[in-house]
Amino acid sequence: MRISQGKKDKIAEQILACLYNNFPNMLFTAEISREIARDEEFTKQLLKGLWNKNLVMPIKKNPKGVPFTRRIKWRLSNKAYDAYKMHQ
């Protein structure tokens, strides 16, 4: 089943809203997909698209500086956070 670009945009907005509501905490892809009730691979694909648009930032290391081997945490970029904050 194919998903239209309009629906993908709406789901991407849900992802951004989820990250905004949890700011400054960072969420793993699995946590985001659980929040928005979507498949992890589909969520990861949308997150990569948002990263290309500079709306989210991937965090690839834990607080001790050790790289995650198989997971990525995500947070809103400062630009996206400021834009969301203005609209609230």
PDB file of N, CA and C in Angstrom:
ATOM      1  N   MET A   1       0.839  -1.179   0.000  1.00  0.00           N
ATOM      2  CA  MET A   1       0.000   0.000   0.000  1.00  0.00           C
ATOM      3  C   MET A   1       0.887   1.246   0.000  1.00  0.00           C
ATOM      4  N   ARG A   2       0.581   2.161  -0.867  1.00  0.00           N
ATOM      5  CA  ARG A   2       1.364   3.378  -0.981  1.00  0.00           C
ATOM      6  C   ARG A   2       0.721   4.486  -0.150  1.00  0.00           C
ATOM      7  N   ILE A   3       1.570   5.318   0.399  1.00  0.00           N
ATOM      8  CA  ILE A   3       1.102   6.441   1.207  1.00  0.00           C
ATOM      9  C   ILE A   3       1.385   7.719   0.427  1.00  0.00           C
ATOM     10  N   SER A   4       0.381   8.576   0.324  1.00  0.00           N
ATOM     11  CA  SER A   4       0.550   9.818  -0.439  1.00  0.00           C
ATOM     12  C   SER A   4       1.509  10.763   0.280  1.00  0.00           C
ATOM     13  N   GLN A   5       2.058  11.693  -0.475  1.00  0.00           N
ATOM     14  CA  GLN A   5       2.995  12.657   0.104  1.00  0.00           C
ATOM     15  C   GLN A   5       2.315  13.519   1.163  1.00  0.00           C
ATOM     16  N   GLY A   6       1.046  13.836   0.946  1.00  0.00           N
ATOM     17  CA  GLY A   6       0.305  14.627   1.929  1.00  0.00           C
ATOM     18  C   GLY A   6       0.214  13.923   3.268  1.00  0.00           C
ATOM     19  N   LYS A   7      -0.036  12.601   3.236  1.00  0.00           N
ATOM     20  CA  LYS A   7      -0.120  11.838   4.481  1.00  0.00           C
ATOM     21  C   LYS A   7       1.254  11.708   5.133  1.00  0.00           C
ATOM     22  N   LYS A   8       2.293  11.552   4.326  1.00  0.00           N
ATOM     23  CA  LYS A   8       3.649  11.501   4.877  1.00  0.00           C
ATOM     24  C   LYS A   8       3.986  12.815   5.573  1.00  0.00           C
ATOM     25  N   ASP A   9       3.568  13.931   4.990  1.00  0.00           N
ATOM     26  CA  ASP A   9       3.817  15.239   5.602  1.00  0.00           C
ATOM     27  C   ASP A   9       3.094  15.354   6.945  1.00  0.00           C
ATOM     28  N   LYS A  10       1.862  14.856   7.012  1.00  0.00           N
ATOM     29  CA  LYS A  10       1.099  14.899   8.265  1.00  0.00           C
ATOM     30  C   LYS A  10       1.783  14.053   9.338  1.00  0.00           C
ATOM     31  N   ILE A  11       2.284  12.878   8.951  1.00  0.00           N
ATOM     32  CA  ILE A  11       2.971  12.011   9.910  1.00  0.00           C
ATOM     33  C   ILE A  11       4.276  12.657  10.361  1.00  0.00           C
ATOM     34  N   ALA A  12       4.975  13.326   9.437  1.00  0.00           N
ATOM     35  CA  ALA A  12       6.200  14.045   9.799  1.00  0.00           C
ATOM     36  C   ALA A  12       5.883  15.152  10.800  1.00  0.00           C
ATOM     37  N   GLU A  13       4.741  15.810  10.640  1.00  0.00           N
ATOM     38  CA  GLU A  13       4.318  16.833  11.608  1.00  0.00           C
ATOM     39  C   GLU A  13       4.085  16.202  12.970  1.00  0.00           C
ATOM     40  N   GLN A  14       3.520  14.990  13.013  1.00  0.00           N
ATOM     41  CA  GLN A  14       3.312  14.285  14.279  1.00  0.00           C
ATOM     42  C   GLN A  14       4.657  13.988  14.950  1.00  0.00           C
ATOM     43  N   ILE A  15       5.630  13.612  14.139  1.00  0.00           N
ATOM     44  CA  ILE A  15       6.974  13.335  14.676  1.00  0.00           C
ATOM     45  C   ILE A  15       7.556  14.600  15.294  1.00  0.00           C
ATOM     46  N   LEU A  16       7.456  15.715  14.581  1.00  0.00           N
ATOM     47  CA  LEU A  16       7.978  16.981  15.098  1.00  0.00           C
ATOM     48  C   LEU A  16       7.261  17.385  16.379  1.00  0.00           C
ATOM     49  N   ALA A  17       5.950  17.198  16.425  1.00  0.00           N
ATOM     50  CA  ALA A  17       5.180  17.533  17.629  1.00  0.00           C
ATOM     51  C   ALA A  17       5.604  16.651  18.801  1.00  0.00           C
ATOM     52  N   CYS A  18       5.837  15.380  18.529  1.00  0.00           N
ATOM     53  CA  CYS A  18       6.294  14.448  19.567  1.00  0.00           C
ATOM     54  C   CYS A  18       7.642  14.894  20.123  1.00  0.00           C
ATOM     55  N   LEU A  19       8.566  15.241  19.247  1.00  0.00           N
ATOM     56  CA  LEU A  19       9.889  15.702  19.697  1.00  0.00           C
ATOM     57  C   LEU A  19       9.787  17.033  20.441  1.00  0.00           C
ATOM     58  N   TYR A  20       8.895  17.914  19.990  1.00  0.00           N
ATOM     59  CA  TYR A  20       8.710  19.197  20.667  1.00  0.00           C
ATOM     60  C   TYR A  20       8.184  18.974  22.089  1.00  0.00           C
ATOM     61  N   ASN A  21       7.208  18.070  22.221  1.00  0.00           N
ATOM     62  CA  ASN A  21       6.616  17.810  23.539  1.00  0.00           C
ATOM     63  C   ASN A  21       7.610  17.186  24.506  1.00  0.00           C
ATOM     64  N   ASN A  22       8.630  16.527  23.999  1.00  0.00           N
ATOM     65  CA  ASN A  22       9.629  15.881  24.850  1.00  0.00           C
ATOM     66  C   ASN A  22      10.930  16.673  24.941  1.00  0.00           C
ATOM     67  N   PHE A  23      10.989  17.856  24.326  1.00  0.00           N
ATOM     68  CA  PHE A  23      12.195  18.679  24.331  1.00  0.00           C
ATOM     69  C   PHE A  23      12.535  19.063  25.758  1.00  0.00           C
ATOM     70  N   PRO A  24      13.740  19.048  26.232  1.00  0.00           N
ATOM     71  CA  PRO A  24      15.014  18.800  25.568  1.00  0.00           C
ATOM     72  C   PRO A  24      15.429  17.334  25.564  1.00  0.00           C
ATOM     73  N   ASN A  25      14.556  16.423  26.036  1.00  0.00           N
ATOM     74  CA  ASN A  25      14.900  14.996  26.012  1.00  0.00           C
ATOM     75  C   ASN A  25      15.021  14.510  24.578  1.00  0.00           C
ATOM     76  N   MET A  26      15.900  13.544  24.386  1.00  0.00           N
ATOM     77  CA  MET A  26      16.090  12.947  23.076  1.00  0.00           C
ATOM     78  C   MET A  26      15.403  11.589  23.077  1.00  0.00           C
ATOM     79  N   LEU A  27      14.792  11.216  21.963  1.00  0.00           N
ATOM     80  CA  LEU A  27      14.069   9.956  21.875  1.00  0.00           C
ATOM     81  C   LEU A  27      14.693   9.046  20.834  1.00  0.00           C
ATOM     82  N   PHE A  28      14.693   7.748  21.139  1.00  0.00           N
ATOM     83  CA  PHE A  28      15.114   6.776  20.142  1.00  0.00           C
ATOM     84  C   PHE A  28      14.025   6.647  19.076  1.00  0.00           C
ATOM     85  N   THR A  29      14.408   6.163  17.914  1.00  0.00           N
ATOM     86  CA  THR A  29      13.466   5.954  16.820  1.00  0.00           C
ATOM     87  C   THR A  29      12.303   5.076  17.277  1.00  0.00           C
ATOM     88  N   ALA A  30      12.591   4.028  18.025  1.00  0.00           N
ATOM     89  CA  ALA A  30      11.546   3.111  18.508  1.00  0.00           C
ATOM     90  C   ALA A  30      10.538   3.830  19.402  1.00  0.00           C
ATOM     91  N   GLU A  31      11.017   4.744  20.246  1.00  0.00           N
ATOM     92  CA  GLU A  31      10.118   5.494  21.128  1.00  0.00           C
ATOM     93  C   GLU A  31       9.220   6.423  20.322  1.00  0.00           C
ATOM     94  N   ILE A  32       9.780   7.049  19.310  1.00  0.00           N
ATOM     95  CA  ILE A  32       8.986   7.947  18.459  1.00  0.00           C
ATOM     96  C   ILE A  32       7.931   7.151  17.709  1.00  0.00           C
ATOM     97  N   SER A  33       8.324   6.021  17.136  1.00  0.00           N
ATOM     98  CA  SER A  33       7.369   5.219  16.375  1.00  0.00           C
ATOM     99  C   SER A  33       6.249   4.688  17.270  1.00  0.00           C
ATOM    100  N   ARG A  34       6.574   4.370  18.515  1.00  0.00           N
ATOM    101  CA  ARG A  34       5.544   3.932  19.458  1.00  0.00           C
ATOM    102  C   ARG A  34       4.573   5.069  19.771  1.00  0.00           C
ATOM    103  N   GLU A  35       5.103   6.276  19.944  1.00  0.00           N
ATOM    104  CA  GLU A  35       4.267   7.452  20.249  1.00  0.00           C
ATOM    105  C   GLU A  35       3.275   7.755  19.130  1.00  0.00           C
ATOM    106  N   ILE A  36       3.730   7.660  17.894  1.00  0.00           N
ATOM    107  CA  ILE A  36       2.865   8.022  16.767  1.00  0.00           C
ATOM    108  C   ILE A  36       2.196   6.799  16.134  1.00  0.00           C
ATOM    109  N   ALA A  37       2.415   5.613  16.711  1.00  0.00           N
ATOM    110  CA  ALA A  37       1.802   4.359  16.261  1.00  0.00           C
ATOM    111  C   ALA A  37       2.114   4.063  14.801  1.00  0.00           C
ATOM    112  N   ARG A  38       3.403   4.072  14.469  1.00  0.00           N
ATOM    113  CA  ARG A  38       3.863   3.768  13.113  1.00  0.00           C
ATOM    114  C   ARG A  38       5.011   2.776  13.170  1.00  0.00           C
ATOM    115  N   ASP A  39       5.271   2.145  12.047  1.00  0.00           N
ATOM    116  CA  ASP A  39       6.361   1.191  11.898  1.00  0.00           C
ATOM    117  C   ASP A  39       7.707   1.899  12.087  1.00  0.00           C
ATOM    118  N   GLU A  40       8.671   1.214  12.723  1.00  0.00           N
ATOM    119  CA  GLU A  40       9.979   1.827  12.996  1.00  0.00           C
ATOM    120  C   GLU A  40      10.734   2.201  11.725  1.00  0.00           C
ATOM    121  N   GLU A  41      10.728   1.326  10.731  1.00  0.00           N
ATOM    122  CA  GLU A  41      11.458   1.615   9.493  1.00  0.00           C
ATOM    123  C   GLU A  41      10.847   2.815   8.759  1.00  0.00           C
ATOM    124  N   PHE A  42       9.531   2.894   8.749  1.00  0.00           N
ATOM    125  CA  PHE A  42       8.853   4.029   8.122  1.00  0.00           C
ATOM    126  C   PHE A  42       9.179   5.315   8.875  1.00  0.00           C
ATOM    127  N   THR A  43       9.158   5.244  10.199  1.00  0.00           N
ATOM    128  CA  THR A  43       9.489   6.409  11.032  1.00  0.00           C
ATOM    129  C   THR A  43      10.926   6.845  10.783  1.00  0.00           C
ATOM    130  N   LYS A  44      11.842   5.874  10.697  1.00  0.00           N
ATOM    131  CA  LYS A  44      13.254   6.188  10.457  1.00  0.00           C
ATOM    132  C   LYS A  44      13.426   6.882   9.105  1.00  0.00           C
ATOM    133  N   GLN A  45      12.699   6.417   8.099  1.00  0.00           N
ATOM    134  CA  GLN A  45      12.753   7.031   6.770  1.00  0.00           C
ATOM    135  C   GLN A  45      12.291   8.499   6.833  1.00  0.00           C
ATOM    136  N   LEU A  46      11.194   8.750   7.548  1.00  0.00           N
ATOM    137  CA  LEU A  46      10.707  10.121   7.681  1.00  0.00           C
ATOM    138  C   LEU A  46      11.677  10.986   8.484  1.00  0.00           C
ATOM    139  N   LEU A  47      12.276  10.421   9.529  1.00  0.00           N
ATOM    140  CA  LEU A  47      13.250  11.163  10.333  1.00  0.00           C
ATOM    141  C   LEU A  47      14.461  11.563   9.492  1.00  0.00           C
ATOM    142  N   LYS A  48      14.916  10.672   8.622  1.00  0.00           N
ATOM    143  CA  LYS A  48      16.043  11.009   7.756  1.00  0.00           C
ATOM    144  C   LYS A  48      15.666  12.144   6.803  1.00  0.00           C
ATOM    145  N   GLY A  49      14.431  12.153   6.314  1.00  0.00           N
ATOM    146  CA  GLY A  49      13.958  13.249   5.474  1.00  0.00           C
ATOM    147  C   GLY A  49      13.920  14.565   6.237  1.00  0.00           C
ATOM    148  N   LEU A  50      13.477  14.511   7.500  1.00  0.00           N
ATOM    149  CA  LEU A  50      13.445  15.713   8.335  1.00  0.00           C
ATOM    150  C   LEU A  50      14.863  16.184   8.650  1.00  0.00           C
ATOM    151  N   TRP A  51      15.791  15.244   8.786  1.00  0.00           N
ATOM    152  CA  TRP A  51      17.195  15.596   9.036  1.00  0.00           C
ATOM    153  C   TRP A  51      17.769  16.328   7.830  1.00  0.00           C
ATOM    154  N   ASN A  52      17.441  15.861   6.636  1.00  0.00           N
ATOM    155  CA  ASN A  52      17.910  16.529   5.418  1.00  0.00           C
ATOM    156  C   ASN A  52      17.379  17.954   5.308  1.00  0.00           C
ATOM    157  N   LYS A  53      16.222  18.208   5.925  1.00  0.00           N
ATOM    158  CA  LYS A  53      15.631  19.556   5.926  1.00  0.00           C
ATOM    159  C   LYS A  53      16.087  20.376   7.136  1.00  0.00           C
ATOM    160  N   ASN A  54      17.012  19.822   7.920  1.00  0.00           N
ATOM    161  CA  ASN A  54      17.551  20.476   9.131  1.00  0.00           C
ATOM    162  C   ASN A  54      16.488  20.753  10.184  1.00  0.00           C
ATOM    163  N   LEU A  55      15.498  19.866  10.299  1.00  0.00           N
ATOM    164  CA  LEU A  55      14.470  20.035  11.314  1.00  0.00           C
ATOM    165  C   LEU A  55      14.720  19.173  12.552  1.00  0.00           C
ATOM    166  N   VAL A  56      15.448  18.077  12.386  1.00  0.00           N
ATOM    167  CA  VAL A  56      15.817  17.228  13.518  1.00  0.00           C
ATOM    168  C   VAL A  56      17.314  16.966  13.481  1.00  0.00           C
ATOM    169  N   MET A  57      17.849  16.570  14.618  1.00  0.00           N
ATOM    170  CA  MET A  57      19.281  16.286  14.738  1.00  0.00           C
ATOM    171  C   MET A  57      19.447  14.868  15.272  1.00  0.00           C
ATOM    172  N   PRO A  58      20.280  14.051  14.616  1.00  0.00           N
ATOM    173  CA  PRO A  58      20.546  12.722  15.165  1.00  0.00           C
ATOM    174  C   PRO A  58      21.625  12.801  16.244  1.00  0.00           C
ATOM    175  N   ILE A  59      21.440  12.047  17.298  1.00  0.00           N
ATOM    176  CA  ILE A  59      22.425  11.942  18.369  1.00  0.00           C
ATOM    177  C   ILE A  59      22.936  10.511  18.318  1.00  0.00           C
ATOM    178  N   LYS A  60      24.208  10.350  17.989  1.00  0.00           N
ATOM    179  CA  LYS A  60      24.754   9.014  17.769  1.00  0.00           C
ATOM    180  C   LYS A  60      25.652   8.534  18.899  1.00  0.00           C
ATOM    181  N   LYS A  61      25.781   9.331  19.973  1.00  0.00           N
ATOM    182  CA  LYS A  61      26.613   8.943  21.113  1.00  0.00           C
ATOM    183  C   LYS A  61      25.828   9.123  22.402  1.00  0.00           C
ATOM    184  N   ASN A  62      26.119   8.277  23.381  1.00  0.00           N
ATOM    185  CA  ASN A  62      25.469   8.421  24.679  1.00  0.00           C
ATOM    186  C   ASN A  62      26.151   9.552  25.461  1.00  0.00           C
ATOM    187  N   PRO A  63      25.638   9.922  26.636  1.00  0.00           N
ATOM    188  CA  PRO A  63      26.234  11.026  27.393  1.00  0.00           C
ATOM    189  C   PRO A  63      27.707  10.829  27.761  1.00  0.00           C
ATOM    190  N   LYS A  64      28.172   9.595  27.788  1.00  0.00           N
ATOM    191  CA  LYS A  64      29.570   9.332  28.105  1.00  0.00           C
ATOM    192  C   LYS A  64      30.460   9.410  26.872  1.00  0.00           C
ATOM    193  N   GLY A  65      29.867   9.658  25.711  1.00  0.00           N
ATOM    194  CA  GLY A  65      30.646   9.789  24.486  1.00  0.00           C
ATOM    195  C   GLY A  65      30.841   8.486  23.730  1.00  0.00           C
ATOM    196  N   VAL A  66      30.195   7.421  24.201  1.00  0.00           N
ATOM    197  CA  VAL A  66      30.314   6.124  23.530  1.00  0.00           C
ATOM    198  C   VAL A  66      29.270   6.059  22.407  1.00  0.00           C
ATOM    199  N   PRO A  67      29.694   5.745  21.190  1.00  0.00           N
ATOM    200  CA  PRO A  67      28.729   5.687  20.078  1.00  0.00           C
ATOM    201  C   PRO A  67      27.710   4.568  20.262  1.00  0.00           C
ATOM    202  N   PHE A  68      26.450   4.865  19.902  1.00  0.00           N
ATOM    203  CA  PHE A  68      25.429   3.824  19.866  1.00  0.00           C
ATOM    204  C   PHE A  68      25.770   2.909  18.701  1.00  0.00           C
ATOM    205  N   THR A  69      25.645   1.608  18.895  1.00  0.00           N
ATOM    206  CA  THR A  69      26.020   0.681  17.826  1.00  0.00           C
ATOM    207  C   THR A  69      24.890   0.471  16.825  1.00  0.00           C
ATOM    208  N   ARG A  70      23.645   0.426  17.302  1.00  0.00           N
ATOM    209  CA  ARG A  70      22.555   0.120  16.392  1.00  0.00           C
ATOM    210  C   ARG A  70      21.380   1.074  16.482  1.00  0.00           C
ATOM    211  N   ARG A  71      21.469   2.062  17.319  1.00  0.00           N
ATOM    212  CA  ARG A  71      20.319   2.953  17.524  1.00  0.00           C
ATOM    213  C   ARG A  71      20.743   4.400  17.388  1.00  0.00           C
ATOM    214  N   ILE A  72      19.756   5.248  17.145  1.00  0.00           N
ATOM    215  CA  ILE A  72      20.001   6.690  17.046  1.00  0.00           C
ATOM    216  C   ILE A  72      18.927   7.388  17.867  1.00  0.00           C
ATOM    217  N   LYS A  73      19.349   8.378  18.651  1.00  0.00           N
ATOM    218  CA  LYS A  73      18.394   9.245  19.340  1.00  0.00           C
ATOM    219  C   LYS A  73      18.180  10.470  18.474  1.00  0.00           C
ATOM    220  N   TRP A  74      17.034  11.092  18.609  1.00  0.00           N
ATOM    221  CA  TRP A  74      16.691  12.259  17.806  1.00  0.00           C
ATOM    222  C   TRP A  74      16.213  13.379  18.707  1.00  0.00           C
ATOM    223  N   ARG A  75      16.485  14.612  18.265  1.00  0.00           N
ATOM    224  CA  ARG A  75      15.944  15.791  18.946  1.00  0.00           C
ATOM    225  C   ARG A  75      15.650  16.841  17.885  1.00  0.00           C
ATOM    226  N   LEU A  76      14.805  17.791  18.249  1.00  0.00           N
ATOM    227  CA  LEU A  76      14.518  18.900  17.340  1.00  0.00           C
ATOM    228  C   LEU A  76      15.752  19.768  17.171  1.00  0.00           C
ATOM    229  N   SER A  77      15.941  20.301  15.991  1.00  0.00           N
ATOM    230  CA  SER A  77      17.007  21.284  15.808  1.00  0.00           C
ATOM    231  C   SER A  77      16.574  22.575  16.491  1.00  0.00           C
ATOM    232  N   ASN A  78      17.514  23.421  16.786  1.00  0.00           N
ATOM    233  CA  ASN A  78      17.180  24.693  17.441  1.00  0.00           C
ATOM    234  C   ASN A  78      16.264  25.534  16.569  1.00  0.00           C
ATOM    235  N   LYS A  79      16.493  25.510  15.263  1.00  0.00           N
ATOM    236  CA  LYS A  79      15.663  26.267  14.323  1.00  0.00           C
ATOM    237  C   LYS A  79      14.210  25.798  14.382  1.00  0.00           C
ATOM    238  N   ALA A  80      14.013  24.489  14.382  1.00  0.00           N
ATOM    239  CA  ALA A  80      12.660  23.927  14.426  1.00  0.00           C
ATOM    240  C   ALA A  80      12.005  24.204  15.775  1.00  0.00           C
ATOM    241  N   TYR A  81      12.779  24.095  16.866  1.00  0.00           N
ATOM    242  CA  TYR A  81      12.218  24.357  18.189  1.00  0.00           C
ATOM    243  C   TYR A  81      11.734  25.802  18.291  1.00  0.00           C
ATOM    244  N   ASP A  82      12.543  26.744  17.809  1.00  0.00           N
ATOM    245  CA  ASP A  82      12.146  28.151  17.857  1.00  0.00           C
ATOM    246  C   ASP A  82      10.904  28.407  17.021  1.00  0.00           C
ATOM    247  N   ALA A  83      10.784  27.766  15.867  1.00  0.00           N
ATOM    248  CA  ALA A  83       9.612  27.945  15.016  1.00  0.00           C
ATOM    249  C   ALA A  83       8.366  27.386  15.710  1.00  0.00           C
ATOM    250  N   TYR A  84       8.480  26.216  16.334  1.00  0.00           N
ATOM    251  CA  TYR A  84       7.348  25.636  17.057  1.00  0.00           C
ATOM    252  C   TYR A  84       6.961  26.516  18.239  1.00  0.00           C
ATOM    253  N   LYS A  85       7.970  27.020  18.940  1.00  0.00           N
ATOM    254  CA  LYS A  85       7.710  27.838  20.132  1.00  0.00           C
ATOM    255  C   LYS A  85       6.934  29.100  19.767  1.00  0.00           C
ATOM    256  N   MET A  86       7.244  29.703  18.609  1.00  0.00           N
ATOM    257  CA  MET A  86       6.528  30.908  18.172  1.00  0.00           C
ATOM    258  C   MET A  86       5.055  30.626  17.882  1.00  0.00           C
ATOM    259  N   HIS A  87       4.757  29.425  17.404  1.00  0.00           N
ATOM    260  CA  HIS A  87       3.377  29.087  17.028  1.00  0.00           C
ATOM    261  C   HIS A  87       2.535  28.636  18.201  1.00  0.00           C
ATOM    262  N   GLN A  88       3.150  28.422  19.339  1.00  0.00           N
ATOM    263  CA  GLN A  88       2.393  27.944  20.510  1.00  0.00           C
ATOM    264  C   GLN A  88       1.715  29.082  21.231  1.00  0.00           C
TER     265      GLN A  88
END
